[in-house]
Amino acid sequence: MSTQKVALITGASQGIGAGLVAGFRQRGFAVADLEGAMEEGARQGVRYEFPQDSHWNPKGHALAAEAARGLPFVQAILAGR
């Protein structure tokens, strides 16, 4: 059985984020960037982080799970392939 490394990140289009994405991909990671979805949610008043720090709250984790579910290798696992 092979393994797939995954990086779920925010801020890939800003500063160091773009370099991180490139580095992750060069090392064989599947990358899901949550920045766009988090920004869209924020415009609608959704908070994905706890107010006292920048850790994801349950909504942030749910968003990350949904992003991971969209990765091709996860779709293959869920489809039983």
C-alpha atoms as a PDB file:
ATOM      1  CA  MET A   1       0.000   0.000   0.000  1.00  0.00           C
ATOM      2  CA  SER A   2       1.398   3.392  -0.945  1.00  0.00           C
ATOM      3  CA  THR A   3       0.967   6.498   1.141  1.00  0.00           C
ATOM      4  CA  GLN A   4       0.093  10.016   0.096  1.00  0.00           C
ATOM      5  CA  LYS A   5       1.265  13.043   2.048  1.00  0.00           C
ATOM      6  CA  VAL A   6      -1.220  15.911   2.324  1.00  0.00           C
ATOM      7  CA  ALA A   7      -0.809  19.603   3.123  1.00  0.00           C
ATOM      8  CA  LEU A   8      -3.893  21.667   3.938  1.00  0.00           C
ATOM      9  CA  ILE A   9      -2.873  25.309   3.981  1.00  0.00           C
ATOM     10  CA  THR A  10      -4.180  28.853   3.965  1.00  0.00           C
ATOM     11  CA  GLY A  11      -2.549  31.880   2.434  1.00  0.00           C
ATOM     12  CA  ALA A  12      -0.885  30.129  -0.502  1.00  0.00           C
ATOM     13  CA  SER A  13      -1.066  33.226  -2.665  1.00  0.00           C
ATOM     14  CA  GLN A  14       0.620  35.456  -0.103  1.00  0.00           C
ATOM     15  CA  GLY A  15       4.338  35.738   0.517  1.00  0.00           C
ATOM     16  CA  ILE A  16       5.884  32.569   1.833  1.00  0.00           C
ATOM     17  CA  GLY A  17       2.721  30.565   1.114  1.00  0.00           C
ATOM     18  CA  ALA A  18       3.429  30.288  -2.609  1.00  0.00           C
ATOM     19  CA  GLY A  19       6.892  28.938  -1.850  1.00  0.00           C
ATOM     20  CA  LEU A  20       5.452  26.468   0.636  1.00  0.00           C
ATOM     21  CA  VAL A  21       3.008  25.117  -1.935  1.00  0.00           C
ATOM     22  CA  ALA A  22       5.789  24.666  -4.489  1.00  0.00           C
ATOM     23  CA  GLY A  23       7.985  22.959  -1.899  1.00  0.00           C
ATOM     24  CA  PHE A  24       5.223  20.632  -0.766  1.00  0.00           C
ATOM     25  CA  ARG A  25       4.395  19.648  -4.335  1.00  0.00           C
ATOM     26  CA  GLN A  26       8.061  19.035  -5.186  1.00  0.00           C
ATOM     27  CA  ARG A  27       8.182  16.638  -2.244  1.00  0.00           C
ATOM     28  CA  GLY A  28       5.129  14.698  -3.408  1.00  0.00           C
ATOM     29  CA  PHE A  29       2.446  16.248  -1.242  1.00  0.00           C
ATOM     30  CA  ALA A  30      -1.127  16.676  -2.422  1.00  0.00           C
ATOM     31  CA  VAL A  31      -1.929  20.310  -1.576  1.00  0.00           C
ATOM     32  CA  ALA A  32      -5.317  21.803  -0.827  1.00  0.00           C
ATOM     33  CA  ASP A  33      -5.392  25.565  -0.315  1.00  0.00           C
ATOM     34  CA  LEU A  34      -8.252  26.706   1.907  1.00  0.00           C
ATOM     35  CA  GLU A  35      -7.616  30.423   1.441  1.00  0.00           C
ATOM     36  CA  GLY A  36     -10.356  31.114  -1.126  1.00  0.00           C
ATOM     37  CA  ALA A  37     -13.005  29.158   0.750  1.00  0.00           C
ATOM     38  CA  MET A  38     -12.055  30.805   4.047  1.00  0.00           C
ATOM     39  CA  GLU A  39     -12.159  34.269   2.500  1.00  0.00           C
ATOM     40  CA  GLU A  40     -15.587  33.574   0.990  1.00  0.00           C
ATOM     41  CA  GLY A  41     -16.876  32.351   4.342  1.00  0.00           C
ATOM     42  CA  ALA A  42     -15.430  35.385   6.108  1.00  0.00           C
ATOM     43  CA  ARG A  43     -17.320  37.681   3.720  1.00  0.00           C
ATOM     44  CA  GLN A  44     -20.470  35.890   4.888  1.00  0.00           C
ATOM     45  CA  GLY A  45     -19.521  36.256   8.555  1.00  0.00           C
ATOM     46  CA  VAL A  46     -18.256  32.701   9.110  1.00  0.00           C
ATOM     47  CA  ARG A  47     -15.341  32.299  11.533  1.00  0.00           C
ATOM     48  CA  TYR A  48     -13.013  29.366  10.935  1.00  0.00           C
ATOM     49  CA  GLU A  49     -10.646  30.174  13.793  1.00  0.00           C
ATOM     50  CA  PHE A  50     -11.117  30.550  17.524  1.00  0.00           C
ATOM     51  CA  PRO A  51     -11.385  34.217  18.543  1.00  0.00           C
ATOM     52  CA  GLN A  52      -8.522  33.971  21.048  1.00  0.00           C
ATOM     53  CA  ASP A  53      -5.976  32.451  18.624  1.00  0.00           C
ATOM     54  CA  SER A  54      -5.493  31.355  15.037  1.00  0.00           C
ATOM     55  CA  HIS A  55      -6.231  27.645  15.492  1.00  0.00           C
ATOM     56  CA  TRP A  56      -9.096  26.264  13.445  1.00  0.00           C
ATOM     57  CA  ASN A  57     -12.394  25.828  15.224  1.00  0.00           C
ATOM     58  CA  PRO A  58     -14.833  23.008  14.297  1.00  0.00           C
ATOM     59  CA  LYS A  59     -15.974  24.947  11.200  1.00  0.00           C
ATOM     60  CA  GLY A  60     -12.351  25.300  10.079  1.00  0.00           C
ATOM     61  CA  HIS A  61     -11.766  21.582  10.526  1.00  0.00           C
ATOM     62  CA  ALA A  62     -14.951  20.781   8.609  1.00  0.00           C
ATOM     63  CA  LEU A  63     -13.766  23.008   5.761  1.00  0.00           C
ATOM     64  CA  ALA A  64     -10.379  21.254   5.767  1.00  0.00           C
ATOM     65  CA  ALA A  65     -12.074  17.836   5.678  1.00  0.00           C
ATOM     66  CA  GLU A  66     -14.160  18.930   2.710  1.00  0.00           C
ATOM     67  CA  ALA A  67     -11.042  20.159   0.911  1.00  0.00           C
ATOM     68  CA  ALA A  68      -9.266  16.868   1.609  1.00  0.00           C
ATOM     69  CA  ARG A  69     -12.305  14.969   0.355  1.00  0.00           C
ATOM     70  CA  GLY A  70     -11.849  16.762  -2.986  1.00  0.00           C
ATOM     71  CA  LEU A  71      -8.297  15.469  -3.517  1.00  0.00           C
ATOM     72  CA  PRO A  72      -8.189  12.793  -6.236  1.00  0.00           C
ATOM     73  CA  PHE A  73      -6.507  10.131  -4.097  1.00  0.00           C
ATOM     74  CA  VAL A  74      -9.096  10.608  -1.323  1.00  0.00           C
ATOM     75  CA  GLN A  75     -11.895  10.316  -3.870  1.00  0.00           C
ATOM     76  CA  ALA A  76     -10.345   7.048  -5.063  1.00  0.00           C
ATOM     77  CA  ILE A  77     -10.211   5.712  -1.496  1.00  0.00           C
ATOM     78  CA  LEU A  78     -13.821   6.693  -0.858  1.00  0.00           C
ATOM     79  CA  ALA A  79     -14.837   5.017  -4.115  1.00  0.00           C
ATOM     80  CA  GLY A  80     -13.099   1.820  -3.019  1.00  0.00           C
ATOM     81  CA  ARG A  81     -10.371   1.921  -5.666  1.00  0.00           C
END
